[in-house]
C-alpha atoms as a PDB file:
ATOM      1  CA  MET A   1      -0.037   7.155  -6.751  1.00  0.00           C
ATOM      2  CA  ILE A   2       0.056   3.349  -5.933  1.00  0.00           C
ATOM      3  CA  TYR A   3      -0.180   1.879  -2.660  1.00  0.00           C
ATOM      4  CA  ARG A   4       1.259  -1.514  -2.073  1.00  0.00           C
ATOM      5  CA  PHE A   5      -0.326  -3.484   0.838  1.00  0.00           C
ATOM      6  CA  ARG A   6       0.716  -6.734   2.615  1.00  0.00           C
ATOM      7  CA  VAL A   7      -2.455  -8.394   3.698  1.00  0.00           C
ATOM      8  CA  ILE A   8      -1.623 -10.934   6.448  1.00  0.00           C
ATOM      9  CA  LEU A   9      -4.072 -13.519   7.975  1.00  0.00           C
ATOM     10  CA  ASP A  10      -3.782 -13.279  11.445  1.00  0.00           C
ATOM     11  CA  ALA A  11      -2.960 -16.857  12.485  1.00  0.00           C
ATOM     12  CA  HIS A  12       0.120 -18.997  13.420  1.00  0.00           C
ATOM     13  CA  GLU A  13       0.804 -19.905   9.894  1.00  0.00           C
ATOM     14  CA  ASP A  14       2.305 -17.417   7.316  1.00  0.00           C
ATOM     15  CA  VAL A  15      -0.659 -16.764   5.111  1.00  0.00           C
ATOM     16  CA  PHE A  16      -0.347 -13.458   3.355  1.00  0.00           C
ATOM     17  CA  ARG A  17      -0.889 -11.315   0.128  1.00  0.00           C
ATOM     18  CA  ASP A  18       0.831  -8.412  -1.495  1.00  0.00           C
ATOM     19  CA  ILE A  19      -1.542  -6.154  -3.266  1.00  0.00           C
ATOM     20  CA  GLU A  20      -1.026  -3.119  -5.418  1.00  0.00           C
ATOM     21  CA  ILE A  21      -3.961  -0.782  -5.957  1.00  0.00           C
ATOM     22  CA  GLU A  22      -4.483   2.994  -6.755  1.00  0.00           C
ATOM     23  CA  ALA A  23      -4.568   5.463  -3.854  1.00  0.00           C
ATOM     24  CA  THR A  24      -7.694   6.806  -4.924  1.00  0.00           C
ATOM     25  CA  ALA A  25      -9.327   3.581  -4.808  1.00  0.00           C
ATOM     26  CA  THR A  26     -12.194   3.075  -2.210  1.00  0.00           C
ATOM     27  CA  LEU A  27     -12.029   0.611   0.581  1.00  0.00           C
ATOM     28  CA  GLU A  28     -14.566  -1.341  -1.020  1.00  0.00           C
ATOM     29  CA  ASP A  29     -12.261  -1.934  -3.969  1.00  0.00           C
ATOM     30  CA  LEU A  30      -9.639  -3.197  -1.190  1.00  0.00           C
ATOM     31  CA  HIS A  31     -12.077  -5.547   0.264  1.00  0.00           C
ATOM     32  CA  ASN A  32     -12.934  -6.984  -3.096  1.00  0.00           C
ATOM     33  CA  VAL A  33      -9.515  -7.411  -3.949  1.00  0.00           C
ATOM     34  CA  ILE A  34      -8.590  -9.241  -0.513  1.00  0.00           C
ATOM     35  CA  THR A  35     -11.606 -11.401  -0.834  1.00  0.00           C
ATOM     36  CA  GLN A  36     -10.665 -12.400  -4.106  1.00  0.00           C
ATOM     37  CA  SER A  37      -7.053 -13.140  -3.604  1.00  0.00           C
ATOM     38  CA  PHE A  38      -7.720 -15.078  -0.420  1.00  0.00           C
ATOM     39  CA  GLY A  39     -10.298 -17.341  -2.317  1.00  0.00           C
ATOM     40  CA  PHE A  40     -13.560 -16.057  -0.510  1.00  0.00           C
ATOM     41  CA  ALA A  41     -16.906 -15.487  -2.302  1.00  0.00           C
ATOM     42  CA  GLY A  42     -17.169 -12.030  -0.999  1.00  0.00           C
ATOM     43  CA  GLN A  43     -20.826 -12.365   0.191  1.00  0.00           C
ATOM     44  CA  GLU A  44     -20.068 -11.971   3.937  1.00  0.00           C
ATOM     45  CA  MET A  45     -20.178  -8.663   6.054  1.00  0.00           C
ATOM     46  CA  ALA A  46     -16.773  -7.048   6.462  1.00  0.00           C
ATOM     47  CA  SER A  47     -15.130  -4.150   8.209  1.00  0.00           C
ATOM     48  CA  PHE A  48     -11.894  -2.239   8.282  1.00  0.00           C
ATOM     49  CA  TYR A  49     -10.815  -0.682  11.465  1.00  0.00           C
ATOM     50  CA  ILE A  50      -8.144   1.899  11.495  1.00  0.00           C
ATOM     51  CA  SER A  51      -5.307   0.694  13.574  1.00  0.00           C
ATOM     52  CA  ASN A  52      -2.147   1.978  15.554  1.00  0.00           C
ATOM     53  CA  ASP A  53       1.242   0.561  15.628  1.00  0.00           C
ATOM     54  CA  LEU A  54       0.112  -1.956  18.313  1.00  0.00           C
ATOM     55  CA  TRP A  55      -2.536  -3.142  16.145  1.00  0.00           C
ATOM     56  CA  GLU A  56      -5.173  -1.963  18.378  1.00  0.00           C
ATOM     57  CA  GLN A  57      -8.713  -1.560  16.695  1.00  0.00           C
ATOM     58  CA  GLY A  58      -9.978   1.897  16.129  1.00  0.00           C
ATOM     59  CA  GLU A  59     -12.557   3.331  13.962  1.00  0.00           C
ATOM     60  CA  GLU A  60     -14.859   1.120  12.001  1.00  0.00           C
ATOM     61  CA  ILE A  61     -15.371   1.538   8.136  1.00  0.00           C
ATOM     62  CA  ALA A  62     -18.112  -0.771   7.495  1.00  0.00           C
ATOM     63  CA  LEU A  63     -19.183  -2.580   4.246  1.00  0.00           C
ATOM     64  CA  PHE A  64     -22.956  -1.333   4.961  1.00  0.00           C
ATOM     65  CA  ASP A  65     -24.067   1.096   7.345  1.00  0.00           C
ATOM     66  CA  MET A  66     -26.349  -1.259   9.911  1.00  0.00           C
ATOM     67  CA  SER A  67     -26.276   1.258  12.725  1.00  0.00           C
ATOM     68  CA  GLU A  68     -29.278   2.447  14.567  1.00  0.00           C
ATOM     69  CA  VAL A  69     -28.477   5.994  13.414  1.00  0.00           C
ATOM     70  CA  PRO A  70     -28.139   6.257   9.477  1.00  0.00           C
ATOM     71  CA  GLY A  71     -24.609   7.886   8.734  1.00  0.00           C
ATOM     72  CA  ALA A  72     -23.035   7.127  12.268  1.00  0.00           C
ATOM     73  CA  VAL A  73     -20.571   4.605  10.561  1.00  0.00           C
ATOM     74  CA  ARG A  74     -18.609   5.344   7.424  1.00  0.00           C
ATOM     75  CA  ILE A  75     -18.875   3.033   4.662  1.00  0.00           C
ATOM     76  CA  MET A  76     -16.410   1.465   2.377  1.00  0.00           C
ATOM     77  CA  HIS A  77     -17.571   2.634  -0.881  1.00  0.00           C
ATOM     78  CA  GLU A  78     -17.520   6.257   0.234  1.00  0.00           C
ATOM     79  CA  THR A  79     -13.969   5.963   1.861  1.00  0.00           C
ATOM     80  CA  VAL A  80     -11.063   6.620  -0.321  1.00  0.00           C
ATOM     81  CA  LEU A  81      -7.819   4.812   0.558  1.00  0.00           C
ATOM     82  CA  ASP A  82      -5.613   7.918   0.787  1.00  0.00           C
ATOM     83  CA  SER A  83      -8.162   9.399   3.274  1.00  0.00           C
ATOM     84  CA  VAL A  84      -7.382   6.534   5.702  1.00  0.00           C
ATOM     85  CA  THR A  85      -3.710   5.617   5.027  1.00  0.00           C
ATOM     86  CA  ASN A  86      -0.724   7.308   4.316  1.00  0.00           C
ATOM     87  CA  GLU A  87       3.089   7.304   5.564  1.00  0.00           C
ATOM     88  CA  ASP A  88       2.020   8.157   8.768  1.00  0.00           C
ATOM     89  CA  GLN A  89      -1.161   6.011   9.124  1.00  0.00           C
ATOM     90  CA  THR A  90       0.035   2.523   7.600  1.00  0.00           C
ATOM     91  CA  LYS A  91      -2.000   0.042   9.634  1.00  0.00           C
ATOM     92  CA  LEU A  92      -5.648  -1.324   8.963  1.00  0.00           C
ATOM     93  CA  ILE A  93      -7.402  -4.364  10.525  1.00  0.00           C
ATOM     94  CA  TYR A  94      -9.705  -6.075   8.157  1.00  0.00           C
ATOM     95  CA  VAL A  95     -12.555  -8.574   9.431  1.00  0.00           C
ATOM     96  CA  TYR A  96     -14.507 -10.592   6.887  1.00  0.00           C
ATOM     97  CA  ASP A  97     -17.348 -12.690   7.804  1.00  0.00           C
ATOM     98  CA  PHE A  98     -18.598 -11.655  11.307  1.00  0.00           C
ATOM     99  CA  LEU A  99     -19.856 -15.323  12.141  1.00  0.00           C
ATOM    100  CA  ASN A 100     -16.332 -16.762  11.608  1.00  0.00           C
ATOM    101  CA  LEU A 101     -14.196 -13.595  12.209  1.00  0.00           C
ATOM    102  CA  TRP A 102     -11.493 -13.878   9.485  1.00  0.00           C
ATOM    103  CA  THR A 103      -9.143 -11.252  10.765  1.00  0.00           C
ATOM    104  CA  PHE A 104      -6.315  -9.750   8.393  1.00  0.00           C
ATOM    105  CA  LEU A 105      -3.677  -7.184   9.344  1.00  0.00           C
ATOM    106  CA  VAL A 106      -3.232  -4.638   6.346  1.00  0.00           C
ATOM    107  CA  GLU A 107      -0.166  -2.847   6.360  1.00  0.00           C
ATOM    108  CA  LEU A 108       0.751  -0.050   3.810  1.00  0.00           C
ATOM    109  CA  ALA A 109       4.308  -1.150   2.926  1.00  0.00           C
ATOM    110  CA  GLU A 110       5.219   1.219  -0.051  1.00  0.00           C
ATOM    111  CA  ILE A 111       3.859   4.096  -2.202  1.00  0.00           C
ATOM    112  CA  ALA A 112       4.952   3.779  -5.662  1.00  0.00           C
ATOM    113  CA  GLU A 113       4.485   5.560  -8.963  1.00  0.00           C
ATOM    114  CA  ARG A 114       2.150   4.013 -11.377  1.00  0.00           C
ATOM    115  CA  GLU A 115       3.712   1.633 -14.113  1.00  0.00           C
ATOM    116  CA  GLU A 116       2.813   2.108 -17.647  1.00  0.00           C
ATOM    117  CA  GLY A 117       1.092  -0.903 -19.141  1.00  0.00           C
ATOM    118  CA  ARG A 118       0.087  -2.538 -15.595  1.00  0.00           C
ATOM    119  CA  SER A 119      -3.554  -2.740 -14.561  1.00  0.00           C
ATOM    120  CA  TYR A 120      -4.538  -1.894 -11.128  1.00  0.00           C
ATOM    121  CA  PRO A 121      -5.655  -3.595  -8.685  1.00  0.00           C
ATOM    122  CA  ASN A 122      -2.645  -6.125  -8.995  1.00  0.00           C
ATOM    123  CA  LEU A 123      -1.788  -9.294  -6.842  1.00  0.00           C
ATOM    124  CA  MET A 124       1.960  -9.108  -6.701  1.00  0.00           C
ATOM    125  CA  PHE A 125       2.556 -11.876  -4.537  1.00  0.00           C
ATOM    126  CA  ALA A 126       0.627 -14.809  -2.633  1.00  0.00           C
ATOM    127  CA  HIS A 127       2.071 -17.089  -0.027  1.00  0.00           C
ATOM    128  CA  GLY A 128       0.318 -19.879   1.817  1.00  0.00           C
ATOM    129  CA  GLN A 129      -3.016 -21.324   1.706  1.00  0.00           C
ATOM    130  CA  ILE A 130      -5.912 -20.167   3.774  1.00  0.00           C
ATOM    131  CA  PRO A 131      -7.097 -22.867   6.277  1.00  0.00           C
ATOM    132  CA  GLU A 132     -10.334 -24.677   6.088  1.00  0.00           C
ATOM    133  CA  VAL A 133     -11.766 -22.671   9.054  1.00  0.00           C
ATOM    134  CA  ALA A 134     -10.866 -19.180  10.547  1.00  0.00           C
ATOM    135  CA  PRO A 135      -8.227 -19.240  13.179  1.00  0.00           C
ATOM    136  CA  GLU A 136      -9.334 -19.044  16.668  1.00  0.00           C
ATOM    137  CA  LYS A 137      -9.058 -15.682  18.419  1.00  0.00           C
ATOM    138  CA  GLU A 138      -7.826 -15.522  22.106  1.00  0.00           C
ATOM    139  CA  PHE A 139      -9.932 -12.788  23.928  1.00  0.00           C
ATOM    140  CA  VAL A 140      -8.100 -11.601  26.989  1.00  0.00           C
ATOM    141  CA  SER A 141      -9.919  -9.227  29.399  1.00  0.00           C
ATOM    142  CA  ASP A 142      -8.348  -6.264  30.933  1.00  0.00           C
ATOM    143  CA  SER A 143      -7.678  -7.202  34.200  1.00  0.00           C
ATOM    144  CA  SER A 144      -8.516  -3.601  35.561  1.00  0.00           C
ATOM    145  CA  GLU A 145     -12.091  -4.083  34.519  1.00  0.00           C
ATOM    146  CA  GLU A 146     -12.158  -7.263  37.049  1.00  0.00           C
ATOM    147  CA  ASP A 147     -10.445  -5.404  39.760  1.00  0.00           C
ATOM    148  CA  GLU A 148     -12.936  -2.555  39.347  1.00  0.00           C
ATOM    149  CA  MET A 149     -15.917  -4.771  39.490  1.00  0.00           C
ATOM    150  CA  GLU A 150     -14.283  -6.658  42.538  1.00  0.00           C
ATOM    151  CA  ASP A 151     -13.684  -3.003  44.462  1.00  0.00           C
ATOM    152  CA  GLU A 152     -17.106  -1.384  43.406  1.00  0.00           C
ATOM    153  CA  TYR A 153     -19.388  -4.330  44.269  1.00  0.00           C
ATOM    154  CA  GLY A 154     -17.292  -6.389  46.575  1.00  0.00           C
ATOM    155  CA  LEU A 155     -17.856  -9.332  43.988  1.00  0.00           C
ATOM    156  CA  ASP A 156     -15.074 -11.789  42.882  1.00  0.00           C
ATOM    157  CA  PRO A 157     -15.684 -12.273  39.132  1.00  0.00           C
ATOM    158  CA  GLU A 158     -14.239 -15.921  39.428  1.00  0.00           C
ATOM    159  CA  ASP A 159     -16.298 -16.749  42.508  1.00  0.00           C
ATOM    160  CA  TYR A 160     -19.984 -17.871  41.572  1.00  0.00           C
ATOM    161  CA  ASP A 161     -20.953 -19.518  44.723  1.00  0.00           C
ATOM    162  CA  ASP A 162     -21.390 -16.145  46.305  1.00  0.00           C
ATOM    163  CA  LEU A 163     -23.860 -14.764  43.864  1.00  0.00           C
ATOM    164  CA  ASP A 164     -27.267 -14.251  45.293  1.00  0.00           C
ATOM    165  CA  PHE A 165     -29.647 -15.889  42.708  1.00  0.00           C
ATOM    166  CA  ASP A 166     -31.941 -18.920  42.556  1.00  0.00           C
ATOM    167  CA  GLU A 167     -30.460 -21.401  40.318  1.00  0.00           C
ATOM    168  CA  ASN A 168     -34.053 -22.787  39.804  1.00  0.00           C
ATOM    169  CA  TRP A 169     -35.423 -19.403  38.681  1.00  0.00           C
ATOM    170  CA  ASN A 170     -37.719 -20.688  35.876  1.00  0.00           C
END
């Protein structure tokens, strides 16, 4: 089986690539195709995250296991595509270069039959140019966390004047 993915740069401009890859390929293979199709050198750290329909980040599958406990994180070269994506689970988030946070939305668009004479992976279509710098992310806090802090400690997270500390502590 062949998986057809649309890989979209999470930005205001339309920048995406349509990629075909074998369902039995690893996430590391998909990582390599994505970096090549967007023109990256492929030398930075990266991770895939299993996602739901709301594009919420779930379990991490890393390029390398850098956790404190070896084996605590799944790694790309040991994870086959069809073990994390299928008709029911179609979305992944891909983050490349943790200093710049190039973020891509990866969606399984179609499962097709292998075509004779075609080599895989295959870049089917490319649209848009990747910008010079990674698009900035807007990090929004969960307002319930601020409410809990205010209730539990009687603190207003926006009011720094009432905090009890010496400004000249050093």
